[in-house]
Amino acid sequence: MMDEIQKTILEQVADLHSVPEGAYNIRANGKTAGRNTTANIDIISKEDGSGIDIRIKPGTKHESVHIPVVLSESGLKETVYNDFYIGDDADVVIVAGCGIDNCGNQDSEHDGIHRFFVGKNARVKYVEKHYGSGNGKGERILNPVTEITMDEGSYVEMEMTQIKGVDSTIRTTKADVAAGAKLIIRERLLTHGHQSAVSSFDVNLNGEDASANVISRSVAKEDSYQKFISTINGNAKCAGHTECDAIIMDNAKISAVPELTANNPDAALIHEAAIGKIAGEQIIKLMTLGLTEEEAEAQIVNGFLK
């Protein structure tokens, strides 16, 4: 059974108001709080207790897997390994995410390592949200690692969002993309106070006509710090694009480090990076409509991160 705090966190990270349909594994304070499998999707605990294996049968269509994690005990630290095996020609949605509510004085930390093995011509949409709450002095720390191995003709779309309450995060994503496969990553990130966030993407385009699009939109407020690192290696005839678009406010600091390496003359690689403050005329325009300056800033930020 989950308490009300845990249910609130679950709603924030996975948009769940009740037990989801289909396959799911809900983890709360280091233990399994609920699990369900289907005829096509199996969830198996690793023998050493370090995580789970999610096995999706070839040809599975229009099914979903929810694997959210919630922490509400101050001082709890854990590392979890979740491996996804997506069969050929499958088409599924995977919803992950972690929320930490820390009302104590000790740091709480969840490090989730997710490894994806995507079969030929399979399609995956992956949604990951991170969220922090609680009024304790202990920090809320999340360090997700995502490793993706894509077979020929596969398609992976990832939405990674962190918009509230996480004090420190190092987000590491690595991908190997085979011939004809396509990877799309969209990151949305908001930091404030003294929060720190580092996002690192390392993509290898290994096969002919492989492609990747890595897009980050972020807002850094107050005294927070962000660093965006994006590396794309074109090892064949391929197409790669990476983009960082950030708004900086108050005394925040942002660093963007795009890197492209073409190891093939037919590798087409592009990077874009822009960091700037909110334009004054945007705020003035909204204030003429009756908003205060703070309300105008909030509207602009919310629209930018959508």
C-alpha atoms as a PDB file:
ATOM      1  CA  MET A   1       0.000   0.000   0.000  1.00  0.00           C
ATOM      2  CA  MET A   2       1.166   3.523  -0.786  1.00  0.00           C
ATOM      3  CA  ASP A   3       0.577   6.553   1.408  1.00  0.00           C
ATOM      4  CA  GLU A   4      -0.824   9.875   0.172  1.00  0.00           C
ATOM      5  CA  ILE A   5       2.606  11.469  -0.324  1.00  0.00           C
ATOM      6  CA  GLN A   6       3.726   8.558  -2.465  1.00  0.00           C
ATOM      7  CA  LYS A   7       0.505   8.707  -4.481  1.00  0.00           C
ATOM      8  CA  THR A   8       1.043  12.431  -5.112  1.00  0.00           C
ATOM      9  CA  ILE A   9       4.599  11.814  -6.323  1.00  0.00           C
ATOM     10  CA  LEU A  10       3.364   8.989  -8.554  1.00  0.00           C
ATOM     11  CA  GLU A  11       0.885  11.349 -10.157  1.00  0.00           C
ATOM     12  CA  GLN A  12       3.640  13.898 -10.829  1.00  0.00           C
ATOM     13  CA  VAL A  13       6.157  11.509 -12.422  1.00  0.00           C
ATOM     14  CA  ALA A  14       3.837   9.128 -14.266  1.00  0.00           C
ATOM     15  CA  ASP A  15       0.463  10.928 -14.545  1.00  0.00           C
ATOM     16  CA  LEU A  16      -1.099   8.039 -12.660  1.00  0.00           C
ATOM     17  CA  HIS A  17      -4.233   8.602 -10.613  1.00  0.00           C
ATOM     18  CA  SER A  18      -4.862   4.898 -10.156  1.00  0.00           C
ATOM     19  CA  VAL A  19      -3.355   1.539 -11.056  1.00  0.00           C
ATOM     20  CA  PRO A  20      -2.426   1.679 -14.770  1.00  0.00           C
ATOM     21  CA  GLU A  21      -3.656  -0.686 -17.419  1.00  0.00           C
ATOM     22  CA  GLY A  22      -1.215  -3.107 -18.948  1.00  0.00           C
ATOM     23  CA  ALA A  23       2.191  -4.007 -17.584  1.00  0.00           C
ATOM     24  CA  TYR A  24       3.666  -2.060 -14.683  1.00  0.00           C
ATOM     25  CA  ASN A  25       6.183  -2.192 -11.867  1.00  0.00           C
ATOM     26  CA  ILE A  26       5.886   0.429  -9.128  1.00  0.00           C
ATOM     27  CA  ARG A  27       8.829   0.848  -6.757  1.00  0.00           C
ATOM     28  CA  ALA A  28       8.426   2.720  -3.454  1.00  0.00           C
ATOM     29  CA  ASN A  29      11.221   3.304  -0.919  1.00  0.00           C
ATOM     30  CA  GLY A  30      13.404   0.529  -2.308  1.00  0.00           C
ATOM     31  CA  LYS A  31      10.673  -2.127  -2.533  1.00  0.00           C
ATOM     32  CA  THR A  32       8.163  -3.334  -5.110  1.00  0.00           C
ATOM     33  CA  ALA A  33       4.778  -1.741  -4.386  1.00  0.00           C
ATOM     34  CA  GLY A  34       2.932  -3.311  -7.307  1.00  0.00           C
ATOM     35  CA  ARG A  35       3.496  -5.333 -10.465  1.00  0.00           C
ATOM     36  CA  ASN A  36       1.502  -6.652 -13.377  1.00  0.00           C
ATOM     37  CA  THR A  37       2.531  -8.493 -16.535  1.00  0.00           C
ATOM     38  CA  THR A  38       0.656  -9.253 -19.752  1.00  0.00           C
ATOM     39  CA  ALA A  39       0.750 -11.997 -22.361  1.00  0.00           C
ATOM     40  CA  ASN A  40       3.252  -9.960 -24.378  1.00  0.00           C
ATOM     41  CA  ILE A  41       5.188  -8.080 -21.695  1.00  0.00           C
ATOM     42  CA  ASP A  42       6.990  -9.824 -18.859  1.00  0.00           C
ATOM     43  CA  ILE A  43       8.682  -8.134 -15.886  1.00  0.00           C
ATOM     44  CA  ILE A  44      11.218 -10.213 -14.005  1.00  0.00           C
ATOM     45  CA  SER A  45      13.207  -9.285 -10.897  1.00  0.00           C
ATOM     46  CA  LYS A  46      16.952  -9.649 -11.269  1.00  0.00           C
ATOM     47  CA  GLU A  47      18.317 -12.480  -9.174  1.00  0.00           C
ATOM     48  CA  ASP A  48      20.617 -10.180  -7.207  1.00  0.00           C
ATOM     49  CA  GLY A  49      17.738  -7.804  -6.426  1.00  0.00           C
ATOM     50  CA  SER A  50      19.335  -4.849  -8.212  1.00  0.00           C
ATOM     51  CA  GLY A  51      16.450  -4.179 -10.601  1.00  0.00           C
ATOM     52  CA  ILE A  52      14.194  -5.714 -13.223  1.00  0.00           C
ATOM     53  CA  ASP A  53      14.220  -7.093 -16.768  1.00  0.00           C
ATOM     54  CA  ILE A  54      11.356  -6.040 -19.033  1.00  0.00           C
ATOM     55  CA  ARG A  55      10.887  -8.381 -21.990  1.00  0.00           C
ATOM     56  CA  ILE A  56       8.553  -7.347 -24.794  1.00  0.00           C
ATOM     57  CA  LYS A  57       7.678 -10.016 -27.355  1.00  0.00           C
ATOM     58  CA  PRO A  58       8.275  -9.420 -31.083  1.00  0.00           C
ATOM     59  CA  GLY A  59       5.270  -7.922 -32.834  1.00  0.00           C
ATOM     60  CA  THR A  60       3.681  -6.490 -29.670  1.00  0.00           C
ATOM     61  CA  LYS A  61       1.529  -3.501 -30.669  1.00  0.00           C
ATOM     62  CA  HIS A  62      -0.183  -0.674 -28.782  1.00  0.00           C
ATOM     63  CA  GLU A  63       0.800  -1.773 -25.294  1.00  0.00           C
ATOM     64  CA  SER A  64       2.448   0.191 -22.501  1.00  0.00           C
ATOM     65  CA  VAL A  65       4.780  -0.361 -19.560  1.00  0.00           C
ATOM     66  CA  HIS A  66       4.865   1.876 -16.461  1.00  0.00           C
ATOM     67  CA  ILE A  67       7.904   1.630 -14.160  1.00  0.00           C
ATOM     68  CA  PRO A  68       7.823   4.680 -11.833  1.00  0.00           C
ATOM     69  CA  VAL A  69       9.907   5.032  -8.656  1.00  0.00           C
ATOM     70  CA  VAL A  70       8.960   7.038  -5.561  1.00  0.00           C
ATOM     71  CA  LEU A  71      11.076   7.847  -2.502  1.00  0.00           C
ATOM     72  CA  SER A  72       9.605   9.412   0.629  1.00  0.00           C
ATOM     73  CA  GLU A  73      12.139   8.308   3.251  1.00  0.00           C
ATOM     74  CA  SER A  74      14.894  10.785   4.062  1.00  0.00           C
ATOM     75  CA  GLY A  75      18.377   9.305   3.781  1.00  0.00           C
ATOM     76  CA  LEU A  76      17.419   6.499   1.385  1.00  0.00           C
ATOM     77  CA  LYS A  77      19.981   5.918  -1.388  1.00  0.00           C
ATOM     78  CA  GLU A  78      19.674   3.272  -4.071  1.00  0.00           C
ATOM     79  CA  THR A  79      20.995   2.197  -7.468  1.00  0.00           C
ATOM     80  CA  VAL A  80      18.645   0.243  -9.723  1.00  0.00           C
ATOM     81  CA  TYR A  81      19.377  -1.500 -13.035  1.00  0.00           C
ATOM     82  CA  ASN A  82      16.439  -1.936 -15.432  1.00  0.00           C
ATOM     83  CA  ASP A  83      16.972  -3.684 -18.776  1.00  0.00           C
ATOM     84  CA  PHE A  84      14.436  -3.470 -21.615  1.00  0.00           C
ATOM     85  CA  TYR A  85      14.409  -6.065 -24.383  1.00  0.00           C
ATOM     86  CA  ILE A  86      12.086  -4.878 -27.162  1.00  0.00           C
ATOM     87  CA  GLY A  87      11.402  -7.533 -29.780  1.00  0.00           C
ATOM     88  CA  ASP A  88      11.441  -7.026 -33.553  1.00  0.00           C
ATOM     89  CA  ASP A  89       8.480  -5.088 -35.010  1.00  0.00           C
ATOM     90  CA  ALA A  90       7.076  -4.167 -31.583  1.00  0.00           C
ATOM     91  CA  ASP A  91       5.400  -0.765 -31.025  1.00  0.00           C
ATOM     92  CA  VAL A  92       5.169   0.209 -27.348  1.00  0.00           C
ATOM     93  CA  VAL A  93       5.119   3.123 -24.891  1.00  0.00           C
ATOM     94  CA  ILE A  94       7.327   3.028 -21.788  1.00  0.00           C
ATOM     95  CA  VAL A  95       6.660   5.465 -18.934  1.00  0.00           C
ATOM     96  CA  ALA A  96       9.345   5.796 -16.276  1.00  0.00           C
ATOM     97  CA  GLY A  97      10.357   8.588 -13.911  1.00  0.00           C
ATOM     98  CA  CYS A  98      11.308   9.119 -10.304  1.00  0.00           C
ATOM     99  CA  GLY A  99      10.030  11.420  -7.595  1.00  0.00           C
ATOM    100  CA  ILE A 100      11.629  12.177  -4.225  1.00  0.00           C
ATOM    101  CA  ASP A 101       9.851  13.780  -1.287  1.00  0.00           C
ATOM    102  CA  ASN A 102      12.450  14.635   1.374  1.00  0.00           C
ATOM    103  CA  CYS A 103      11.277  16.247   4.598  1.00  0.00           C
ATOM    104  CA  GLY A 104      14.337  15.212   6.615  1.00  0.00           C
ATOM    105  CA  ASN A 105      17.920  16.348   7.059  1.00  0.00           C
ATOM    106  CA  GLN A 106      19.635  13.504   5.187  1.00  0.00           C
ATOM    107  CA  ASP A 107      20.139  13.382   1.442  1.00  0.00           C
ATOM    108  CA  SER A 108      17.910  11.050  -0.594  1.00  0.00           C
ATOM    109  CA  GLU A 109      19.245   9.652  -3.864  1.00  0.00           C
ATOM    110  CA  HIS A 110      18.041   7.417  -6.676  1.00  0.00           C
ATOM    111  CA  ASP A 111      20.390   6.358  -9.466  1.00  0.00           C
ATOM    112  CA  GLY A 112      18.534   4.518 -12.202  1.00  0.00           C
ATOM    113  CA  ILE A 113      20.429   2.757 -14.996  1.00  0.00           C
ATOM    114  CA  HIS A 114      18.115   1.940 -17.907  1.00  0.00           C
ATOM    115  CA  ARG A 115      19.436  -0.151 -20.795  1.00  0.00           C
ATOM    116  CA  PHE A 116      17.376  -0.530 -23.972  1.00  0.00           C
ATOM    117  CA  PHE A 117      17.914  -3.240 -26.586  1.00  0.00           C
ATOM    118  CA  VAL A 118      15.602  -2.343 -29.463  1.00  0.00           C
ATOM    119  CA  GLY A 119      14.941  -4.971 -32.128  1.00  0.00           C
ATOM    120  CA  LYS A 120      14.692  -4.564 -35.892  1.00  0.00           C
ATOM    121  CA  ASN A 121      11.927  -2.198 -37.049  1.00  0.00           C
ATOM    122  CA  ALA A 122      10.644  -1.819 -33.486  1.00  0.00           C
ATOM    123  CA  ARG A 123       9.188   1.509 -32.305  1.00  0.00           C
ATOM    124  CA  VAL A 124       9.491   2.822 -28.752  1.00  0.00           C
ATOM    125  CA  LYS A 125       8.221   5.989 -27.114  1.00  0.00           C
ATOM    126  CA  TYR A 126       9.900   6.540 -23.738  1.00  0.00           C
ATOM    127  CA  VAL A 127       8.683   9.157 -21.251  1.00  0.00           C
ATOM    128  CA  GLU A 128      10.794   9.984 -18.193  1.00  0.00           C
ATOM    129  CA  LYS A 129       9.919  12.633 -15.598  1.00  0.00           C
ATOM    130  CA  HIS A 130      11.891  13.636 -12.521  1.00  0.00           C
ATOM    131  CA  TYR A 131      10.383  15.549  -9.617  1.00  0.00           C
ATOM    132  CA  GLY A 132      11.343  16.633  -6.124  1.00  0.00           C
ATOM    133  CA  SER A 133       9.370  17.956  -3.148  1.00  0.00           C
ATOM    134  CA  GLY A 134       9.568  18.258   0.639  1.00  0.00           C
ATOM    135  CA  ASN A 135      10.755  20.980   3.013  1.00  0.00           C
ATOM    136  CA  GLY A 136      13.660  19.162   4.664  1.00  0.00           C
ATOM    137  CA  LYS A 137      17.290  20.253   4.516  1.00  0.00           C
ATOM    138  CA  GLY A 138      18.347  16.966   2.928  1.00  0.00           C
ATOM    139  CA  GLU A 139      18.932  17.095  -0.816  1.00  0.00           C
ATOM    140  CA  ARG A 140      16.968  15.308  -3.535  1.00  0.00           C
ATOM    141  CA  ILE A 141      19.501  13.700  -5.898  1.00  0.00           C
ATOM    142  CA  LEU A 142      18.751  11.889  -9.162  1.00  0.00           C
ATOM    143  CA  ASN A 143      21.445  10.500 -11.464  1.00  0.00           C
ATOM    144  CA  PRO A 144      19.795   8.675 -14.395  1.00  0.00           C
ATOM    145  CA  VAL A 145      21.845   6.707 -16.922  1.00  0.00           C
ATOM    146  CA  THR A 146      20.224   5.685 -20.204  1.00  0.00           C
ATOM    147  CA  GLU A 147      21.950   3.328 -22.650  1.00  0.00           C
ATOM    148  CA  ILE A 148      20.294   2.568 -26.003  1.00  0.00           C
ATOM    149  CA  THR A 149      21.243  -0.077 -28.554  1.00  0.00           C
ATOM    150  CA  MET A 150      19.131   0.238 -31.691  1.00  0.00           C
ATOM    151  CA  ASP A 151      18.931  -2.439 -34.358  1.00  0.00           C
ATOM    152  CA  GLU A 152      18.313  -1.793 -38.059  1.00  0.00           C
ATOM    153  CA  GLY A 153      15.218   0.205 -38.957  1.00  0.00           C
ATOM    154  CA  SER A 154      14.177   0.830 -35.355  1.00  0.00           C
ATOM    155  CA  TYR A 155      12.732   4.086 -34.003  1.00  0.00           C
ATOM    156  CA  VAL A 156      13.101   5.499 -30.486  1.00  0.00           C
ATOM    157  CA  GLU A 157      11.556   8.738 -29.243  1.00  0.00           C
ATOM    158  CA  MET A 158      12.501   9.922 -25.751  1.00  0.00           C
ATOM    159  CA  GLU A 159      10.960  12.718 -23.668  1.00  0.00           C
ATOM    160  CA  MET A 160      13.041  13.560 -20.592  1.00  0.00           C
ATOM    161  CA  THR A 161      11.627  16.189 -18.248  1.00  0.00           C
ATOM    162  CA  GLN A 162      12.810  17.695 -14.965  1.00  0.00           C
ATOM    163  CA  ILE A 163      10.986  20.848 -13.960  1.00  0.00           C
ATOM    164  CA  LYS A 164      10.816  20.988 -10.186  1.00  0.00           C
ATOM    165  CA  GLY A 165      12.546  20.232  -6.924  1.00  0.00           C
ATOM    166  CA  VAL A 166      15.651  18.201  -7.854  1.00  0.00           C
ATOM    167  CA  ASP A 167      18.732  19.614  -6.100  1.00  0.00           C
ATOM    168  CA  SER A 168      21.420  17.757  -8.030  1.00  0.00           C
ATOM    169  CA  THR A 169      21.352  15.638 -11.161  1.00  0.00           C
ATOM    170  CA  ILE A 170      23.833  14.146 -13.607  1.00  0.00           C
ATOM    171  CA  ARG A 171      21.906  12.826 -16.600  1.00  0.00           C
ATOM    172  CA  THR A 172      23.914  10.530 -18.884  1.00  0.00           C
ATOM    173  CA  THR A 173      22.572   9.171 -22.168  1.00  0.00           C
ATOM    174  CA  LYS A 174      24.478   6.945 -24.613  1.00  0.00           C
ATOM    175  CA  ALA A 175      23.192   5.497 -27.862  1.00  0.00           C
ATOM    176  CA  ASP A 176      24.382   3.229 -30.679  1.00  0.00           C
ATOM    177  CA  VAL A 177      22.217   3.612 -33.780  1.00  0.00           C
ATOM    178  CA  ALA A 178      22.266   1.023 -36.568  1.00  0.00           C
ATOM    179  CA  ALA A 179      21.466   1.381 -40.279  1.00  0.00           C
ATOM    180  CA  GLY A 180      18.134   3.038 -41.037  1.00  0.00           C
ATOM    181  CA  ALA A 181      17.348   3.586 -37.350  1.00  0.00           C
ATOM    182  CA  LYS A 182      16.162   6.939 -35.978  1.00  0.00           C
ATOM    183  CA  LEU A 183      16.626   8.397 -32.494  1.00  0.00           C
ATOM    184  CA  ILE A 184      14.830  11.504 -31.214  1.00  0.00           C
ATOM    185  CA  ILE A 185      15.566  12.922 -27.752  1.00  0.00           C
ATOM    186  CA  ARG A 186      13.768  15.923 -26.265  1.00  0.00           C
ATOM    187  CA  GLU A 187      14.951  17.249 -22.908  1.00  0.00           C
ATOM    188  CA  ARG A 188      13.142  19.889 -20.831  1.00  0.00           C
ATOM    189  CA  LEU A 189      14.880  21.177 -17.745  1.00  0.00           C
ATOM    190  CA  LEU A 190      14.252  23.835 -15.093  1.00  0.00           C
ATOM    191  CA  THR A 191      16.605  24.652 -12.210  1.00  0.00           C
ATOM    192  CA  HIS A 192      16.352  27.245  -9.451  1.00  0.00           C
ATOM    193  CA  GLY A 193      17.887  28.089  -6.089  1.00  0.00           C
ATOM    194  CA  HIS A 194      21.298  26.431  -5.817  1.00  0.00           C
ATOM    195  CA  GLN A 195      20.348  23.431  -7.928  1.00  0.00           C
ATOM    196  CA  SER A 196      22.837  21.820 -10.315  1.00  0.00           C
ATOM    197  CA  ALA A 197      22.081  19.853 -13.488  1.00  0.00           C
ATOM    198  CA  VAL A 198      24.497  18.265 -15.954  1.00  0.00           C
ATOM    199  CA  SER A 199      23.138  16.577 -19.097  1.00  0.00           C
ATOM    200  CA  SER A 200      25.472  14.489 -21.243  1.00  0.00           C
ATOM    201  CA  PHE A 201      24.512  12.862 -24.552  1.00  0.00           C
ATOM    202  CA  ASP A 202      26.825  10.595 -26.563  1.00  0.00           C
ATOM    203  CA  VAL A 203      25.368   9.232 -29.817  1.00  0.00           C
ATOM    204  CA  ASN A 204      27.098   6.944 -32.314  1.00  0.00           C
ATOM    205  CA  LEU A 205      25.522   6.793 -35.773  1.00  0.00           C
ATOM    206  CA  ASN A 206      26.963   3.516 -36.965  1.00  0.00           C
ATOM    207  CA  GLY A 207      24.936   2.441 -39.997  1.00  0.00           C
ATOM    208  CA  GLU A 208      23.945   3.842 -43.356  1.00  0.00           C
ATOM    209  CA  ASP A 209      21.018   6.292 -43.098  1.00  0.00           C
ATOM    210  CA  ALA A 210      21.055   6.233 -39.299  1.00  0.00           C
ATOM    211  CA  SER A 211      19.833   9.530 -37.811  1.00  0.00           C
ATOM    212  CA  ALA A 212      19.585  11.327 -34.493  1.00  0.00           C
ATOM    213  CA  ASN A 213      17.994  14.548 -33.265  1.00  0.00           C
ATOM    214  CA  VAL A 214      18.953  15.676 -29.736  1.00  0.00           C
ATOM    215  CA  ILE A 215      17.084  18.763 -28.517  1.00  0.00           C
ATOM    216  CA  SER A 216      17.372  20.413 -25.101  1.00  0.00           C
ATOM    217  CA  ARG A 217      15.275  23.308 -23.812  1.00  0.00           C
ATOM    218  CA  SER A 218      16.161  24.621 -20.386  1.00  0.00           C
ATOM    219  CA  VAL A 219      15.660  27.498 -17.974  1.00  0.00           C
ATOM    220  CA  ALA A 220      18.131  28.331 -15.198  1.00  0.00           C
ATOM    221  CA  LYS A 221      16.942  30.678 -12.434  1.00  0.00           C
ATOM    222  CA  GLU A 222      18.427  32.299  -9.332  1.00  0.00           C
ATOM    223  CA  ASP A 223      21.833  30.761  -8.433  1.00  0.00           C
ATOM    224  CA  SER A 224      21.447  27.455 -10.249  1.00  0.00           C
ATOM    225  CA  TYR A 225      23.900  25.865 -12.673  1.00  0.00           C
ATOM    226  CA  GLN A 226      23.412  23.852 -15.854  1.00  0.00           C
ATOM    227  CA  LYS A 227      25.775  22.156 -18.271  1.00  0.00           C
ATOM    228  CA  PHE A 228      24.724  20.594 -21.563  1.00  0.00           C
ATOM    229  CA  ILE A 229      27.161  18.247 -23.328  1.00  0.00           C
ATOM    230  CA  SER A 230      26.168  16.683 -26.625  1.00  0.00           C
ATOM    231  CA  THR A 231      28.445  14.494 -28.754  1.00  0.00           C
ATOM    232  CA  ILE A 232      27.393  12.967 -32.063  1.00  0.00           C
ATOM    233  CA  ASN A 233      29.745  10.665 -33.960  1.00  0.00           C
ATOM    234  CA  GLY A 234      28.927  10.046 -37.610  1.00  0.00           C
ATOM    235  CA  ASN A 235      30.497   6.705 -38.476  1.00  0.00           C
ATOM    236  CA  ALA A 236      28.643   6.114 -41.746  1.00  0.00           C
ATOM    237  CA  LYS A 237      26.408   7.916 -44.243  1.00  0.00           C
ATOM    238  CA  CYS A 238      24.055   9.452 -41.666  1.00  0.00           C
ATOM    239  CA  ALA A 239      22.331  12.579 -40.375  1.00  0.00           C
ATOM    240  CA  GLY A 240      22.759  14.061 -36.898  1.00  0.00           C
ATOM    241  CA  HIS A 241      21.453  17.229 -35.288  1.00  0.00           C
ATOM    242  CA  THR A 242      21.912  18.557 -31.761  1.00  0.00           C
ATOM    243  CA  GLU A 243      20.373  21.718 -30.349  1.00  0.00           C
ATOM    244  CA  CYS A 244      20.535  23.496 -26.984  1.00  0.00           C
ATOM    245  CA  ASP A 245      18.183  26.444 -26.413  1.00  0.00           C
ATOM    246  CA  ALA A 246      18.382  27.968 -22.926  1.00  0.00           C
ATOM    247  CA  ILE A 247      16.999  30.910 -20.971  1.00  0.00           C
ATOM    248  CA  ILE A 248      19.230  32.304 -18.242  1.00  0.00           C
ATOM    249  CA  MET A 249      17.848  34.415 -15.372  1.00  0.00           C
ATOM    250  CA  ASP A 250      19.081  36.111 -12.187  1.00  0.00           C
ATOM    251  CA  ASN A 251      22.580  34.866 -11.181  1.00  0.00           C
ATOM    252  CA  ALA A 252      22.397  31.485 -12.909  1.00  0.00           C
ATOM    253  CA  LYS A 253      25.149  29.937 -15.046  1.00  0.00           C
ATOM    254  CA  ILE A 254      24.754  27.803 -18.161  1.00  0.00           C
ATOM    255  CA  SER A 255      27.369  26.027 -20.266  1.00  0.00           C
ATOM    256  CA  ALA A 256      26.672  24.377 -23.641  1.00  0.00           C
ATOM    257  CA  VAL A 257      29.274  22.018 -25.146  1.00  0.00           C
ATOM    258  CA  PRO A 258      28.213  20.563 -28.518  1.00  0.00           C
ATOM    259  CA  GLU A 259      30.689  18.270 -30.296  1.00  0.00           C
ATOM    260  CA  LEU A 260      30.411  16.699 -33.747  1.00  0.00           C
ATOM    261  CA  THR A 261      32.781  14.134 -35.238  1.00  0.00           C
ATOM    262  CA  ALA A 262      32.450  12.954 -38.834  1.00  0.00           C
ATOM    263  CA  ASN A 263      34.252   9.686 -39.478  1.00  0.00           C
ATOM    264  CA  ASN A 264      32.671   9.296 -42.894  1.00  0.00           C
ATOM    265  CA  PRO A 265      32.550  11.819 -45.782  1.00  0.00           C
ATOM    266  CA  ASP A 266      28.784  11.306 -46.103  1.00  0.00           C
ATOM    267  CA  ALA A 267      28.036  12.089 -42.470  1.00  0.00           C
ATOM    268  CA  ALA A 268      25.847  15.228 -42.285  1.00  0.00           C
ATOM    269  CA  LEU A 269      26.038  16.713 -38.786  1.00  0.00           C
ATOM    270  CA  ILE A 270      24.667  20.002 -37.417  1.00  0.00           C
ATOM    271  CA  HIS A 271      24.761  21.647 -34.006  1.00  0.00           C
ATOM    272  CA  GLU A 272      22.989  24.729 -32.649  1.00  0.00           C
ATOM    273  CA  ALA A 273      23.342  26.399 -29.259  1.00  0.00           C
ATOM    274  CA  ALA A 274      21.662  29.546 -27.957  1.00  0.00           C
ATOM    275  CA  ILE A 275      21.695  30.996 -24.436  1.00  0.00           C
ATOM    276  CA  GLY A 276      20.005  34.274 -23.571  1.00  0.00           C
ATOM    277  CA  LYS A 277      17.691  36.121 -21.251  1.00  0.00           C
ATOM    278  CA  ILE A 278      14.012  36.842 -21.733  1.00  0.00           C
ATOM    279  CA  ALA A 279      13.521  39.796 -24.049  1.00  0.00           C
ATOM    280  CA  GLY A 280      12.227  42.878 -22.272  1.00  0.00           C
ATOM    281  CA  GLU A 281       9.604  43.570 -24.924  1.00  0.00           C
ATOM    282  CA  GLN A 282       8.054  40.157 -24.285  1.00  0.00           C
ATOM    283  CA  ILE A 283       7.537  40.991 -20.619  1.00  0.00           C
ATOM    284  CA  ILE A 284       6.231  44.476 -21.390  1.00  0.00           C
ATOM    285  CA  LYS A 285       3.733  43.094 -23.902  1.00  0.00           C
ATOM    286  CA  LEU A 286       2.288  40.674 -21.356  1.00  0.00           C
ATOM    287  CA  MET A 287       2.217  43.350 -18.644  1.00  0.00           C
ATOM    288  CA  THR A 288       0.058  45.524 -20.909  1.00  0.00           C
ATOM    289  CA  LEU A 289      -2.455  42.671 -20.808  1.00  0.00           C
ATOM    290  CA  GLY A 290      -2.703  42.955 -17.023  1.00  0.00           C
ATOM    291  CA  LEU A 291      -0.020  40.546 -15.806  1.00  0.00           C
ATOM    292  CA  THR A 292       2.575  41.462 -13.195  1.00  0.00           C
ATOM    293  CA  GLU A 293       6.243  41.167 -14.143  1.00  0.00           C
ATOM    294  CA  GLU A 294       6.546  37.868 -12.234  1.00  0.00           C
ATOM    295  CA  GLU A 295       3.404  36.496 -13.871  1.00  0.00           C
ATOM    296  CA  ALA A 296       4.702  37.530 -17.300  1.00  0.00           C
ATOM    297  CA  GLU A 297       8.031  35.763 -16.699  1.00  0.00           C
ATOM    298  CA  ALA A 298       6.227  32.626 -15.536  1.00  0.00           C
ATOM    299  CA  GLN A 299       4.038  32.583 -18.658  1.00  0.00           C
ATOM    300  CA  ILE A 300       7.075  32.921 -20.929  1.00  0.00           C
ATOM    301  CA  VAL A 301       9.008  30.175 -19.121  1.00  0.00           C
ATOM    302  CA  ASN A 302       6.059  27.785 -19.113  1.00  0.00           C
ATOM    303  CA  GLY A 303       5.485  28.327 -22.826  1.00  0.00           C
ATOM    304  CA  PHE A 304       9.177  27.864 -23.592  1.00  0.00           C
ATOM    305  CA  LEU A 305       9.341  24.516 -21.774  1.00  0.00           C
ATOM    306  CA  LYS A 306       6.204  23.043 -23.367  1.00  0.00           C
END
